[in-house]
Amino acid sequence: MKSKKYMKIYTGKTKDVYSIQNDHGHIVIHFKDFALYKNGILDSGGNESKKTFKNKGKCCLFITDYFFRFFGKTGIKTHYVKKLSARKMLVLKAKSIPIEFILRNYAFGTYIERFPKIKKYANLNGLIEFTLKSDKRCDPFISQKEVLEYVRKKELSEIKRVMKKINSVVKNVLKKNGNRIKLVDFKVEFGRLGRKLVVIDDFSTDTARFSIAGKLLTAPELIGSIKL
């Protein structure tokens, strides 16, 4: 049996995307040993990409595989199909919405930069914000009115509902592991499969911040701290 041929169609900061020969309904995402940094500090909210520790990509796919499969069991629709190898996953080819949807449980990162009077880790009660995906403009924050230029009002309501459910599901996983770990914040992307909205990209330490006693966890530290 001949192996399928992959062709790179996108090079990202932490992942690469490949098309599959004679398969127009799926793509392959490859997780690299690169991480996001801000001002030289490891930070999932940063825009700098640097090569980092060995097997970082494997760890992030391990986490994504766990959470995407878990999301599916709880009714959260994603583009995830299956894990192909330690670094590659097969996903449905969805039409991406060029917005990052952010949910903040606690104040951190750019939120504190924008609101310096707010203390780090202040409770934000699941605040939802939006950034436009644009490397040239450093992913600027946009208003809900601007978001509605890309999604319908009904779709935005559904996106917010899904984000709140993701927040609840992930926090329940952490709670079952002793409740030591905080889900500080996370960002998710959505895409369209026909008329259906699904969560796309990944869910790992590349897109979410987890902390213990004020220290952010790397991917291996998260895996070592909870039973995935």
C-alpha atoms as a PDB file:
ATOM      1  CA  MET A   1       0.000   0.000   0.000  1.00  0.00           C
ATOM      2  CA  LYS A   2       1.427   3.374  -1.037  1.00  0.00           C
ATOM      3  CA  SER A   3       1.900   5.989   1.659  1.00  0.00           C
ATOM      4  CA  LYS A   4       0.005   9.232   1.179  1.00  0.00           C
ATOM      5  CA  LYS A   5       1.980  12.251   0.029  1.00  0.00           C
ATOM      6  CA  TYR A   6       1.876  15.453   2.050  1.00  0.00           C
ATOM      7  CA  MET A   7       2.562  18.942   0.713  1.00  0.00           C
ATOM      8  CA  LYS A   8       3.236  21.862   3.057  1.00  0.00           C
ATOM      9  CA  ILE A   9       0.662  24.616   2.553  1.00  0.00           C
ATOM     10  CA  TYR A  10       1.318  26.750   5.620  1.00  0.00           C
ATOM     11  CA  THR A  11       4.266  27.387   7.939  1.00  0.00           C
ATOM     12  CA  GLY A  12       3.231  28.650  11.364  1.00  0.00           C
ATOM     13  CA  LYS A  13       5.066  29.685  14.502  1.00  0.00           C
ATOM     14  CA  THR A  14       4.543  26.403  16.345  1.00  0.00           C
ATOM     15  CA  LYS A  15       2.878  24.186  13.723  1.00  0.00           C
ATOM     16  CA  ASP A  16       2.990  23.451  10.002  1.00  0.00           C
ATOM     17  CA  VAL A  17      -0.007  22.446   7.886  1.00  0.00           C
ATOM     18  CA  TYR A  18       0.023  19.917   5.043  1.00  0.00           C
ATOM     19  CA  SER A  19      -2.445  18.986   2.340  1.00  0.00           C
ATOM     20  CA  ILE A  20      -2.914  15.303   1.491  1.00  0.00           C
ATOM     21  CA  GLN A  21      -2.663  13.979  -2.042  1.00  0.00           C
ATOM     22  CA  ASN A  22      -6.105  13.010  -3.415  1.00  0.00           C
ATOM     23  CA  ASP A  23      -7.841  14.032  -0.182  1.00  0.00           C
ATOM     24  CA  HIS A  24      -9.622  17.380  -0.291  1.00  0.00           C
ATOM     25  CA  GLY A  25     -11.553  16.933   2.944  1.00  0.00           C
ATOM     26  CA  HIS A  26      -8.658  16.645   5.399  1.00  0.00           C
ATOM     27  CA  ILE A  27      -5.344  18.290   6.263  1.00  0.00           C
ATOM     28  CA  VAL A  28      -2.454  17.286   8.515  1.00  0.00           C
ATOM     29  CA  ILE A  29      -1.087  19.486  11.305  1.00  0.00           C
ATOM     30  CA  HIS A  30       2.521  18.944  12.395  1.00  0.00           C
ATOM     31  CA  PHE A  31       3.594  20.143  15.867  1.00  0.00           C
ATOM     32  CA  LYS A  32       7.102  21.616  15.975  1.00  0.00           C
ATOM     33  CA  ASP A  33       9.628  22.088  18.780  1.00  0.00           C
ATOM     34  CA  PHE A  34       9.009  25.833  18.680  1.00  0.00           C
ATOM     35  CA  ALA A  35       7.253  27.873  21.364  1.00  0.00           C
ATOM     36  CA  LEU A  36       5.826  31.374  21.664  1.00  0.00           C
ATOM     37  CA  TYR A  37       7.789  34.012  23.541  1.00  0.00           C
ATOM     38  CA  LYS A  38       7.210  37.599  24.552  1.00  0.00           C
ATOM     39  CA  ASN A  39      10.159  39.846  25.421  1.00  0.00           C
ATOM     40  CA  GLY A  40      12.319  36.739  25.603  1.00  0.00           C
ATOM     41  CA  ILE A  41      10.019  34.981  28.090  1.00  0.00           C
ATOM     42  CA  LEU A  42       8.063  31.813  27.293  1.00  0.00           C
ATOM     43  CA  ASP A  43       4.437  32.951  26.904  1.00  0.00           C
ATOM     44  CA  SER A  44       1.553  31.477  24.891  1.00  0.00           C
ATOM     45  CA  GLY A  45       0.327  35.038  24.384  1.00  0.00           C
ATOM     46  CA  GLY A  46       3.517  36.090  22.602  1.00  0.00           C
ATOM     47  CA  ASN A  47       4.204  36.579  18.905  1.00  0.00           C
ATOM     48  CA  GLU A  48       7.870  35.560  18.840  1.00  0.00           C
ATOM     49  CA  SER A  49       8.618  31.974  17.849  1.00  0.00           C
ATOM     50  CA  LYS A  50      11.798  30.245  19.012  1.00  0.00           C
ATOM     51  CA  LYS A  51      13.088  26.700  19.005  1.00  0.00           C
ATOM     52  CA  THR A  52      12.652  25.299  22.483  1.00  0.00           C
ATOM     53  CA  PHE A  53      13.118  22.059  24.403  1.00  0.00           C
ATOM     54  CA  LYS A  54      13.243  18.694  22.667  1.00  0.00           C
ATOM     55  CA  ASN A  55       9.883  16.935  22.217  1.00  0.00           C
ATOM     56  CA  LYS A  56       7.883  20.091  22.948  1.00  0.00           C
ATOM     57  CA  GLY A  57       5.823  19.411  19.801  1.00  0.00           C
ATOM     58  CA  LYS A  58       5.097  15.856  20.924  1.00  0.00           C
ATOM     59  CA  CYS A  59       3.934  17.113  24.321  1.00  0.00           C
ATOM     60  CA  CYS A  60       1.581  19.708  22.808  1.00  0.00           C
ATOM     61  CA  LEU A  61       0.029  17.150  20.467  1.00  0.00           C
ATOM     62  CA  PHE A  62      -0.368  14.751  23.405  1.00  0.00           C
ATOM     63  CA  ILE A  63      -2.299  17.450  25.308  1.00  0.00           C
ATOM     64  CA  THR A  64      -4.342  18.455  22.243  1.00  0.00           C
ATOM     65  CA  ASP A  65      -5.253  14.842  21.486  1.00  0.00           C
ATOM     66  CA  TYR A  66      -6.481  14.384  25.053  1.00  0.00           C
ATOM     67  CA  PHE A  67      -8.564  17.542  25.226  1.00  0.00           C
ATOM     68  CA  PHE A  68     -10.016  17.360  21.697  1.00  0.00           C
ATOM     69  CA  ARG A  69     -11.154  13.776  22.298  1.00  0.00           C
ATOM     70  CA  PHE A  70     -12.545  14.830  25.680  1.00  0.00           C
ATOM     71  CA  PHE A  71     -14.342  17.797  24.096  1.00  0.00           C
ATOM     72  CA  GLY A  72     -15.969  15.415  21.629  1.00  0.00           C
ATOM     73  CA  LYS A  73     -17.313  13.282  24.475  1.00  0.00           C
ATOM     74  CA  THR A  74     -18.926  16.367  26.032  1.00  0.00           C
ATOM     75  CA  GLY A  75     -20.586  17.553  22.825  1.00  0.00           C
ATOM     76  CA  ILE A  76     -18.044  20.195  21.794  1.00  0.00           C
ATOM     77  CA  LYS A  77     -17.491  19.897  18.044  1.00  0.00           C
ATOM     78  CA  THR A  78     -13.917  20.146  16.736  1.00  0.00           C
ATOM     79  CA  HIS A  79     -12.146  19.459  13.454  1.00  0.00           C
ATOM     80  CA  TYR A  80     -10.088  16.691  15.094  1.00  0.00           C
ATOM     81  CA  VAL A  81     -10.076  13.222  13.512  1.00  0.00           C
ATOM     82  CA  LYS A  82      -7.131  11.297  14.942  1.00  0.00           C
ATOM     83  CA  LYS A  83      -3.480  11.293  15.895  1.00  0.00           C
ATOM     84  CA  LEU A  84      -1.281  10.042  13.042  1.00  0.00           C
ATOM     85  CA  SER A  85       2.062  10.030  14.854  1.00  0.00           C
ATOM     86  CA  ALA A  86       3.769  11.620  17.840  1.00  0.00           C
ATOM     87  CA  ARG A  87       3.806  14.982  16.030  1.00  0.00           C
ATOM     88  CA  LYS A  88       1.043  14.807  13.422  1.00  0.00           C
ATOM     89  CA  MET A  89      -2.746  14.860  13.651  1.00  0.00           C
ATOM     90  CA  LEU A  90      -5.399  14.460  10.974  1.00  0.00           C
ATOM     91  CA  VAL A  91      -8.171  17.057  10.974  1.00  0.00           C
ATOM     92  CA  LEU A  92     -11.153  17.998   8.851  1.00  0.00           C
ATOM     93  CA  LYS A  93     -10.468  20.869   6.479  1.00  0.00           C
ATOM     94  CA  ALA A  94     -12.544  23.747   7.824  1.00  0.00           C
ATOM     95  CA  LYS A  95     -12.760  27.324   6.582  1.00  0.00           C
ATOM     96  CA  SER A  96     -10.969  29.337   9.254  1.00  0.00           C
ATOM     97  CA  ILE A  97     -12.454  32.470  10.827  1.00  0.00           C
ATOM     98  CA  PRO A  98      -9.525  34.941  11.198  1.00  0.00           C
ATOM     99  CA  ILE A  99     -10.186  35.757  14.847  1.00  0.00           C
ATOM    100  CA  GLU A 100      -8.720  34.454  18.098  1.00  0.00           C
ATOM    101  CA  PHE A 101     -11.398  34.161  20.762  1.00  0.00           C
ATOM    102  CA  ILE A 102      -9.933  34.597  24.248  1.00  0.00           C
ATOM    103  CA  LEU A 103     -11.439  33.647  27.597  1.00  0.00           C
ATOM    104  CA  ARG A 104      -9.750  35.042  30.708  1.00  0.00           C
ATOM    105  CA  ASN A 105     -10.309  33.553  34.147  1.00  0.00           C
ATOM    106  CA  TYR A 106      -7.475  35.571  35.674  1.00  0.00           C
ATOM    107  CA  ALA A 107      -5.593  38.726  34.710  1.00  0.00           C
ATOM    108  CA  PHE A 108      -2.320  38.028  32.948  1.00  0.00           C
ATOM    109  CA  GLY A 109      -0.208  39.035  29.958  1.00  0.00           C
ATOM    110  CA  THR A 110      -1.596  41.691  27.641  1.00  0.00           C
ATOM    111  CA  TYR A 111      -4.580  42.278  29.907  1.00  0.00           C
ATOM    112  CA  ILE A 112      -2.320  43.656  32.643  1.00  0.00           C
ATOM    113  CA  GLU A 113      -0.370  45.668  30.068  1.00  0.00           C
ATOM    114  CA  ARG A 114      -3.602  47.298  28.927  1.00  0.00           C
ATOM    115  CA  PHE A 115      -4.974  47.718  32.448  1.00  0.00           C
ATOM    116  CA  PRO A 116      -1.892  48.222  34.682  1.00  0.00           C
ATOM    117  CA  LYS A 117      -3.965  48.970  37.787  1.00  0.00           C
ATOM    118  CA  ILE A 118      -5.313  45.410  37.719  1.00  0.00           C
ATOM    119  CA  LYS A 119      -3.244  42.984  39.802  1.00  0.00           C
ATOM    120  CA  LYS A 120      -1.788  39.853  38.227  1.00  0.00           C
ATOM    121  CA  TYR A 121      -4.130  36.867  38.689  1.00  0.00           C
ATOM    122  CA  ALA A 122      -7.080  39.083  39.636  1.00  0.00           C
ATOM    123  CA  ASN A 123     -10.312  37.176  38.997  1.00  0.00           C
ATOM    124  CA  LEU A 124     -11.866  38.156  35.652  1.00  0.00           C
ATOM    125  CA  ASN A 125     -14.759  35.670  35.824  1.00  0.00           C
ATOM    126  CA  GLY A 126     -14.404  34.259  32.317  1.00  0.00           C
ATOM    127  CA  LEU A 127     -14.093  37.551  30.444  1.00  0.00           C
ATOM    128  CA  ILE A 128     -14.232  37.030  26.658  1.00  0.00           C
ATOM    129  CA  GLU A 129     -12.146  39.157  24.275  1.00  0.00           C
ATOM    130  CA  PHE A 130     -11.228  39.042  20.603  1.00  0.00           C
ATOM    131  CA  THR A 131      -8.102  39.601  18.510  1.00  0.00           C
ATOM    132  CA  LEU A 132      -7.777  39.722  14.747  1.00  0.00           C
ATOM    133  CA  LYS A 133      -5.312  37.152  13.402  1.00  0.00           C
ATOM    134  CA  SER A 134      -2.695  39.361  11.765  1.00  0.00           C
ATOM    135  CA  ASP A 135       1.029  38.865  12.327  1.00  0.00           C
ATOM    136  CA  LYS A 136       1.777  42.158  10.578  1.00  0.00           C
ATOM    137  CA  ARG A 137      -0.444  44.024  13.054  1.00  0.00           C
ATOM    138  CA  CYS A 138       0.542  41.835  16.051  1.00  0.00           C
ATOM    139  CA  ASP A 139      -2.974  40.408  16.458  1.00  0.00           C
ATOM    140  CA  PRO A 140      -4.783  43.617  17.492  1.00  0.00           C
ATOM    141  CA  PHE A 141      -7.718  43.520  19.898  1.00  0.00           C
ATOM    142  CA  ILE A 142     -11.037  44.210  18.203  1.00  0.00           C
ATOM    143  CA  SER A 143     -14.522  45.050  19.422  1.00  0.00           C
ATOM    144  CA  GLN A 144     -17.559  42.803  19.315  1.00  0.00           C
ATOM    145  CA  LYS A 145     -18.951  45.064  16.592  1.00  0.00           C
ATOM    146  CA  GLU A 146     -15.852  44.352  14.488  1.00  0.00           C
ATOM    147  CA  VAL A 147     -16.168  40.609  15.172  1.00  0.00           C
ATOM    148  CA  LEU A 148     -19.644  40.737  13.632  1.00  0.00           C
ATOM    149  CA  GLU A 149     -18.021  41.641  10.320  1.00  0.00           C
ATOM    150  CA  TYR A 150     -16.757  38.033  10.231  1.00  0.00           C
ATOM    151  CA  VAL A 151     -19.498  36.057  11.994  1.00  0.00           C
ATOM    152  CA  ARG A 152     -23.250  36.393  12.319  1.00  0.00           C
ATOM    153  CA  LYS A 153     -24.773  37.448  15.627  1.00  0.00           C
ATOM    154  CA  LYS A 154     -26.204  33.964  16.137  1.00  0.00           C
ATOM    155  CA  GLU A 155     -22.796  32.420  15.442  1.00  0.00           C
ATOM    156  CA  LEU A 156     -21.108  34.700  17.971  1.00  0.00           C
ATOM    157  CA  SER A 157     -23.611  33.640  20.628  1.00  0.00           C
ATOM    158  CA  GLU A 158     -22.808  30.003  19.837  1.00  0.00           C
ATOM    159  CA  ILE A 159     -19.055  30.681  19.976  1.00  0.00           C
ATOM    160  CA  LYS A 160     -19.401  32.265  23.416  1.00  0.00           C
ATOM    161  CA  ARG A 161     -21.477  29.314  24.618  1.00  0.00           C
ATOM    162  CA  VAL A 162     -18.841  26.842  23.404  1.00  0.00           C
ATOM    163  CA  MET A 163     -16.019  28.840  25.007  1.00  0.00           C
ATOM    164  CA  LYS A 164     -17.792  28.827  28.358  1.00  0.00           C
ATOM    165  CA  LYS A 165     -18.340  25.083  28.039  1.00  0.00           C
ATOM    166  CA  ILE A 166     -14.657  24.510  27.209  1.00  0.00           C
ATOM    167  CA  ASN A 167     -13.759  26.552  30.280  1.00  0.00           C
ATOM    168  CA  SER A 168     -16.024  24.440  32.466  1.00  0.00           C
ATOM    169  CA  VAL A 169     -14.841  21.128  30.994  1.00  0.00           C
ATOM    170  CA  VAL A 170     -11.129  21.926  31.384  1.00  0.00           C
ATOM    171  CA  LYS A 171     -11.556  23.270  34.920  1.00  0.00           C
ATOM    172  CA  ASN A 172     -13.405  20.072  35.870  1.00  0.00           C
ATOM    173  CA  VAL A 173     -10.450  18.018  34.580  1.00  0.00           C
ATOM    174  CA  LEU A 174      -8.095  20.115  36.706  1.00  0.00           C
ATOM    175  CA  LYS A 175     -10.387  19.821  39.726  1.00  0.00           C
ATOM    176  CA  LYS A 176     -10.301  16.026  39.504  1.00  0.00           C
ATOM    177  CA  ASN A 177      -6.516  16.259  39.702  1.00  0.00           C
ATOM    178  CA  GLY A 178      -6.467  17.996  43.060  1.00  0.00           C
ATOM    179  CA  ASN A 179      -7.524  21.488  42.001  1.00  0.00           C
ATOM    180  CA  ARG A 180      -3.930  22.785  42.339  1.00  0.00           C
ATOM    181  CA  ILE A 181      -3.732  23.936  38.735  1.00  0.00           C
ATOM    182  CA  LYS A 182      -5.418  27.113  37.545  1.00  0.00           C
ATOM    183  CA  LEU A 183      -6.612  27.597  33.991  1.00  0.00           C
ATOM    184  CA  VAL A 184      -5.478  31.211  33.696  1.00  0.00           C
ATOM    185  CA  ASP A 185      -6.816  31.868  30.207  1.00  0.00           C
ATOM    186  CA  PHE A 186      -7.058  30.317  26.753  1.00  0.00           C
ATOM    187  CA  LYS A 187      -7.623  31.239  23.146  1.00  0.00           C
ATOM    188  CA  VAL A 188      -9.476  29.168  20.589  1.00  0.00           C
ATOM    189  CA  GLU A 189     -10.108  29.448  16.896  1.00  0.00           C
ATOM    190  CA  PHE A 190     -13.244  28.453  15.039  1.00  0.00           C
ATOM    191  CA  GLY A 191     -13.860  27.327  11.500  1.00  0.00           C
ATOM    192  CA  ARG A 192     -16.815  26.403   9.331  1.00  0.00           C
ATOM    193  CA  LEU A 193     -17.601  22.932   8.048  1.00  0.00           C
ATOM    194  CA  GLY A 194     -20.456  23.771   5.739  1.00  0.00           C
ATOM    195  CA  ARG A 195     -22.849  25.658   8.005  1.00  0.00           C
ATOM    196  CA  LYS A 196     -21.483  24.111  11.188  1.00  0.00           C
ATOM    197  CA  LEU A 197     -19.031  25.909  13.496  1.00  0.00           C
ATOM    198  CA  VAL A 198     -16.233  23.789  14.968  1.00  0.00           C
ATOM    199  CA  VAL A 199     -13.220  24.426  17.187  1.00  0.00           C
ATOM    200  CA  ILE A 200     -10.009  24.233  15.143  1.00  0.00           C
ATOM    201  CA  ASP A 201      -6.225  24.478  15.591  1.00  0.00           C
ATOM    202  CA  ASP A 202      -5.180  22.974  18.957  1.00  0.00           C
ATOM    203  CA  PHE A 203      -5.659  23.154  22.716  1.00  0.00           C
ATOM    204  CA  SER A 204      -2.371  22.943  24.593  1.00  0.00           C
ATOM    205  CA  THR A 205       0.138  25.150  26.387  1.00  0.00           C
ATOM    206  CA  ASP A 206       0.547  26.920  23.025  1.00  0.00           C
ATOM    207  CA  THR A 207      -2.983  28.279  23.331  1.00  0.00           C
ATOM    208  CA  ALA A 208      -3.758  28.141  27.059  1.00  0.00           C
ATOM    209  CA  ARG A 209      -2.011  29.195  30.250  1.00  0.00           C
ATOM    210  CA  PHE A 210      -1.983  26.811  33.202  1.00  0.00           C
ATOM    211  CA  SER A 211      -0.351  27.719  36.512  1.00  0.00           C
ATOM    212  CA  ILE A 212       0.472  26.315  39.936  1.00  0.00           C
ATOM    213  CA  ALA A 213       1.112  28.801  42.753  1.00  0.00           C
ATOM    214  CA  GLY A 214       1.660  31.612  40.265  1.00  0.00           C
ATOM    215  CA  LYS A 215       4.098  29.709  38.026  1.00  0.00           C
ATOM    216  CA  LEU A 216       3.094  29.026  34.434  1.00  0.00           C
ATOM    217  CA  LEU A 217       3.462  25.398  33.384  1.00  0.00           C
ATOM    218  CA  THR A 218       5.275  24.162  30.300  1.00  0.00           C
ATOM    219  CA  ALA A 219       3.765  21.295  28.303  1.00  0.00           C
ATOM    220  CA  PRO A 220       5.822  18.557  30.068  1.00  0.00           C
ATOM    221  CA  GLU A 221       5.038  20.110  33.462  1.00  0.00           C
ATOM    222  CA  LEU A 222       1.307  20.080  32.696  1.00  0.00           C
ATOM    223  CA  ILE A 223       1.443  16.440  31.593  1.00  0.00           C
ATOM    224  CA  GLY A 224       3.364  15.557  34.748  1.00  0.00           C
ATOM    225  CA  SER A 225       0.923  17.422  36.989  1.00  0.00           C
ATOM    226  CA  ILE A 226      -2.354  15.910  35.794  1.00  0.00           C
ATOM    227  CA  LYS A 227      -3.501  12.489  34.655  1.00  0.00           C
ATOM    228  CA  LEU A 228      -4.005  12.787  30.910  1.00  0.00           C
END
